C-alpha atoms as a PDB file:
ATOM      1  CA  UNK A   1      12.455 -17.172   4.609  1.00  0.00           C
ATOM      2  CA  UNK A   2      13.457 -20.577   5.882  1.00  0.00           C
ATOM      3  CA  UNK A   3      11.430 -23.518   4.637  1.00  0.00           C
ATOM      4  CA  UNK A   4      10.327 -24.538   8.137  1.00  0.00           C
ATOM      5  CA  UNK A   5       8.701 -21.114   8.618  1.00  0.00           C
ATOM      6  CA  UNK A   6       6.251 -21.591   5.712  1.00  0.00           C
ATOM      7  CA  UNK A   7       2.938 -23.399   5.464  1.00  0.00           C
ATOM      8  CA  UNK A   8       3.036 -25.566   2.355  1.00  0.00           C
ATOM      9  CA  UNK A   9       0.567 -28.416   2.628  1.00  0.00           C
ATOM     10  CA  UNK A  10      -3.164 -27.937   1.974  1.00  0.00           C
ATOM     11  CA  UNK A  11      -3.812 -29.825   5.216  1.00  0.00           C
ATOM     12  CA  UNK A  12      -1.961 -27.117   7.184  1.00  0.00           C
ATOM     13  CA  UNK A  13      -3.929 -24.327   5.490  1.00  0.00           C
ATOM     14  CA  UNK A  14      -7.243 -26.110   6.174  1.00  0.00           C
ATOM     15  CA  UNK A  15      -6.288 -26.547   9.829  1.00  0.00           C
ATOM     16  CA  UNK A  16      -5.658 -22.812  10.244  1.00  0.00           C
ATOM     17  CA  UNK A  17      -8.902 -21.889   8.454  1.00  0.00           C
ATOM     18  CA  UNK A  18     -10.910 -24.342  10.548  1.00  0.00           C
ATOM     19  CA  UNK A  19      -9.378 -23.814  14.012  1.00  0.00           C
ATOM     20  CA  UNK A  20      -7.898 -20.340  13.788  1.00  0.00           C
ATOM     21  CA  UNK A  21      -9.172 -16.890  14.542  1.00  0.00           C
ATOM     22  CA  UNK A  22      -9.724 -14.318  11.824  1.00  0.00           C
ATOM     23  CA  UNK A  23      -8.581 -10.726  11.801  1.00  0.00           C
ATOM     24  CA  UNK A  24      -9.787  -8.628   8.858  1.00  0.00           C
ATOM     25  CA  UNK A  25      -8.696  -5.398   7.280  1.00  0.00           C
ATOM     26  CA  UNK A  26      -9.679  -3.602   4.087  1.00  0.00           C
ATOM     27  CA  UNK A  27      -7.486  -5.690   1.798  1.00  0.00           C
ATOM     28  CA  UNK A  28      -6.589  -8.850   3.737  1.00  0.00           C
ATOM     29  CA  UNK A  29      -7.863 -11.461   6.138  1.00  0.00           C
ATOM     30  CA  UNK A  30      -5.351 -12.934   8.572  1.00  0.00           C
ATOM     31  CA  UNK A  31      -6.024 -16.297  10.178  1.00  0.00           C
ATOM     32  CA  UNK A  32      -4.017 -17.353  13.245  1.00  0.00           C
ATOM     33  CA  UNK A  33      -3.942 -20.685  15.036  1.00  0.00           C
ATOM     34  CA  UNK A  34      -1.818 -21.898  17.973  1.00  0.00           C
ATOM     35  CA  UNK A  35       0.351 -24.977  17.312  1.00  0.00           C
ATOM     36  CA  UNK A  36       2.715 -27.231  19.238  1.00  0.00           C
ATOM     37  CA  UNK A  37       5.645 -26.267  17.021  1.00  0.00           C
ATOM     38  CA  UNK A  38       8.479 -24.175  18.487  1.00  0.00           C
ATOM     39  CA  UNK A  39       8.363 -21.523  15.739  1.00  0.00           C
ATOM     40  CA  UNK A  40       5.644 -19.571  13.918  1.00  0.00           C
ATOM     41  CA  UNK A  41       4.813 -20.395  10.275  1.00  0.00           C
ATOM     42  CA  UNK A  42       3.229 -18.329   7.508  1.00  0.00           C
ATOM     43  CA  UNK A  43       1.097 -19.170   4.495  1.00  0.00           C
ATOM     44  CA  UNK A  44       0.107 -16.568   1.897  1.00  0.00           C
ATOM     45  CA  UNK A  45      -2.808 -16.845  -0.537  1.00  0.00           C
ATOM     46  CA  UNK A  46      -2.999 -14.104  -3.173  1.00  0.00           C
ATOM     47  CA  UNK A  47      -5.762 -14.581  -5.720  1.00  0.00           C
ATOM     48  CA  UNK A  48      -5.190 -14.346  -9.474  1.00  0.00           C
ATOM     49  CA  UNK A  49      -8.474 -12.474  -9.676  1.00  0.00           C
ATOM     50  CA  UNK A  50      -6.993  -9.702  -7.525  1.00  0.00           C
ATOM     51  CA  UNK A  51      -3.484  -9.627  -9.004  1.00  0.00           C
ATOM     52  CA  UNK A  52      -3.463 -10.863 -12.594  1.00  0.00           C
ATOM     53  CA  UNK A  53       0.302 -10.662 -13.088  1.00  0.00           C
ATOM     54  CA  UNK A  54       2.363 -13.326 -11.335  1.00  0.00           C
ATOM     55  CA  UNK A  55       5.116 -10.782 -10.716  1.00  0.00           C
ATOM     56  CA  UNK A  56       2.736  -8.672  -8.616  1.00  0.00           C
ATOM     57  CA  UNK A  57       1.450 -11.698  -6.671  1.00  0.00           C
ATOM     58  CA  UNK A  58       4.993 -12.851  -6.000  1.00  0.00           C
ATOM     59  CA  UNK A  59       6.085  -9.374  -4.933  1.00  0.00           C
ATOM     60  CA  UNK A  60       3.229  -9.180  -2.449  1.00  0.00           C
ATOM     61  CA  UNK A  61       4.141 -12.637  -1.115  1.00  0.00           C
ATOM     62  CA  UNK A  62       7.773 -11.584  -0.668  1.00  0.00           C
ATOM     63  CA  UNK A  63       6.723  -8.420   1.136  1.00  0.00           C
ATOM     64  CA  UNK A  64       4.358 -10.405   3.393  1.00  0.00           C
ATOM     65  CA  UNK A  65       7.165 -12.814   4.298  1.00  0.00           C
ATOM     66  CA  UNK A  66       9.537  -9.938   5.026  1.00  0.00           C
ATOM     67  CA  UNK A  67       7.005  -8.224   7.296  1.00  0.00           C
ATOM     68  CA  UNK A  68       6.312 -11.571   8.985  1.00  0.00           C
ATOM     69  CA  UNK A  69      10.013 -12.191   9.517  1.00  0.00           C
ATOM     70  CA  UNK A  70      10.455  -8.808  11.204  1.00  0.00           C
ATOM     71  CA  UNK A  71       7.312  -8.777  13.343  1.00  0.00           C
ATOM     72  CA  UNK A  72       6.386 -12.349  14.174  1.00  0.00           C
ATOM     73  CA  UNK A  73       9.417 -14.629  14.141  1.00  0.00           C
ATOM     74  CA  UNK A  74      10.843 -12.803  17.159  1.00  0.00           C
ATOM     75  CA  UNK A  75       7.868 -13.924  19.265  1.00  0.00           C
ATOM     76  CA  UNK A  76       8.194 -17.142  21.258  1.00  0.00           C
ATOM     77  CA  UNK A  77       5.787 -20.031  20.761  1.00  0.00           C
ATOM     78  CA  UNK A  78       4.340 -21.687  17.720  1.00  0.00           C
ATOM     79  CA  UNK A  79       1.495 -20.268  15.720  1.00  0.00           C
ATOM     80  CA  UNK A  80       0.394 -20.739  12.141  1.00  0.00           C
ATOM     81  CA  UNK A  81      -0.688 -17.673  10.179  1.00  0.00           C
ATOM     82  CA  UNK A  82      -2.404 -17.456   6.793  1.00  0.00           C
ATOM     83  CA  UNK A  83      -2.818 -14.192   4.901  1.00  0.00           C
ATOM     84  CA  UNK A  84      -5.600 -14.143   2.275  1.00  0.00           C
ATOM     85  CA  UNK A  85      -6.217 -11.296  -0.173  1.00  0.00           C
ATOM     86  CA  UNK A  86      -9.717  -9.841  -0.407  1.00  0.00           C
ATOM     87  CA  UNK A  87     -11.622  -8.550  -3.448  1.00  0.00           C
ATOM     88  CA  UNK A  88     -10.774  -4.920  -2.573  1.00  0.00           C
ATOM     89  CA  UNK A  89      -7.092  -5.757  -2.967  1.00  0.00           C
ATOM     90  CA  UNK A  90      -6.307  -4.871  -6.585  1.00  0.00           C
ATOM     91  CA  UNK A  91      -2.982  -4.638  -8.364  1.00  0.00           C
ATOM     92  CA  UNK A  92      -3.455  -0.941  -9.085  1.00  0.00           C
ATOM     93  CA  UNK A  93      -3.506  -0.315  -5.321  1.00  0.00           C
ATOM     94  CA  UNK A  94      -0.223  -2.013  -4.442  1.00  0.00           C
ATOM     95  CA  UNK A  95       1.028   0.712  -2.059  1.00  0.00           C
ATOM     96  CA  UNK A  96      -2.236   0.748  -0.149  1.00  0.00           C
ATOM     97  CA  UNK A  97      -2.191  -3.046   0.041  1.00  0.00           C
ATOM     98  CA  UNK A  98       1.348  -3.074   1.452  1.00  0.00           C
ATOM     99  CA  UNK A  99       0.440  -0.450   4.070  1.00  0.00           C
ATOM    100  CA  UNK A 100      -2.639  -2.475   5.009  1.00  0.00           C
ATOM    101  CA  UNK A 101      -0.560  -5.638   5.282  1.00  0.00           C
ATOM    102  CA  UNK A 102       1.878  -3.939   7.674  1.00  0.00           C
ATOM    103  CA  UNK A 103      -1.052  -2.683   9.743  1.00  0.00           C
ATOM    104  CA  UNK A 104      -2.722  -6.091  10.054  1.00  0.00           C
ATOM    105  CA  UNK A 105       0.574  -7.748  11.014  1.00  0.00           C
ATOM    106  CA  UNK A 106       1.047  -5.192  13.798  1.00  0.00           C
ATOM    107  CA  UNK A 107      -2.501  -5.796  15.056  1.00  0.00           C
ATOM    108  CA  UNK A 108      -2.020  -9.502  15.709  1.00  0.00           C
ATOM    109  CA  UNK A 109       0.159  -8.917  18.756  1.00  0.00           C
ATOM    110  CA  UNK A 110      -1.780 -10.421  21.637  1.00  0.00           C
ATOM    111  CA  UNK A 111      -4.813 -11.333  19.513  1.00  0.00           C
ATOM    112  CA  UNK A 112      -3.716 -14.672  18.066  1.00  0.00           C
ATOM    113  CA  UNK A 113      -3.782 -16.891  21.164  1.00  0.00           C
ATOM    114  CA  UNK A 114      -6.340 -19.628  20.958  1.00  0.00           C
END
């Protein structure tokens, strides 16, 4: 994913948490906030407590970015999105977590305007 499509700075994450709307599922919380930028951006926060191995956390991040690239980057207008893992999201449930991530990304269509 291109660098300009990612949230990197803590200030950007805080802005989305503070001003954005929250959409929850079993394994993830998705925060969305409208911005003045021409393209959408994504930030992913996967807790070490939920996925102990870095390889699993990184795999989930890559999958989240791929889903984001396919579903969101085709939409016009700028929005910032942050995906946060929940306590129910455990490394031994990777397939369920991926399915849940796809579901929550599909649900944001039309629900992230603020």
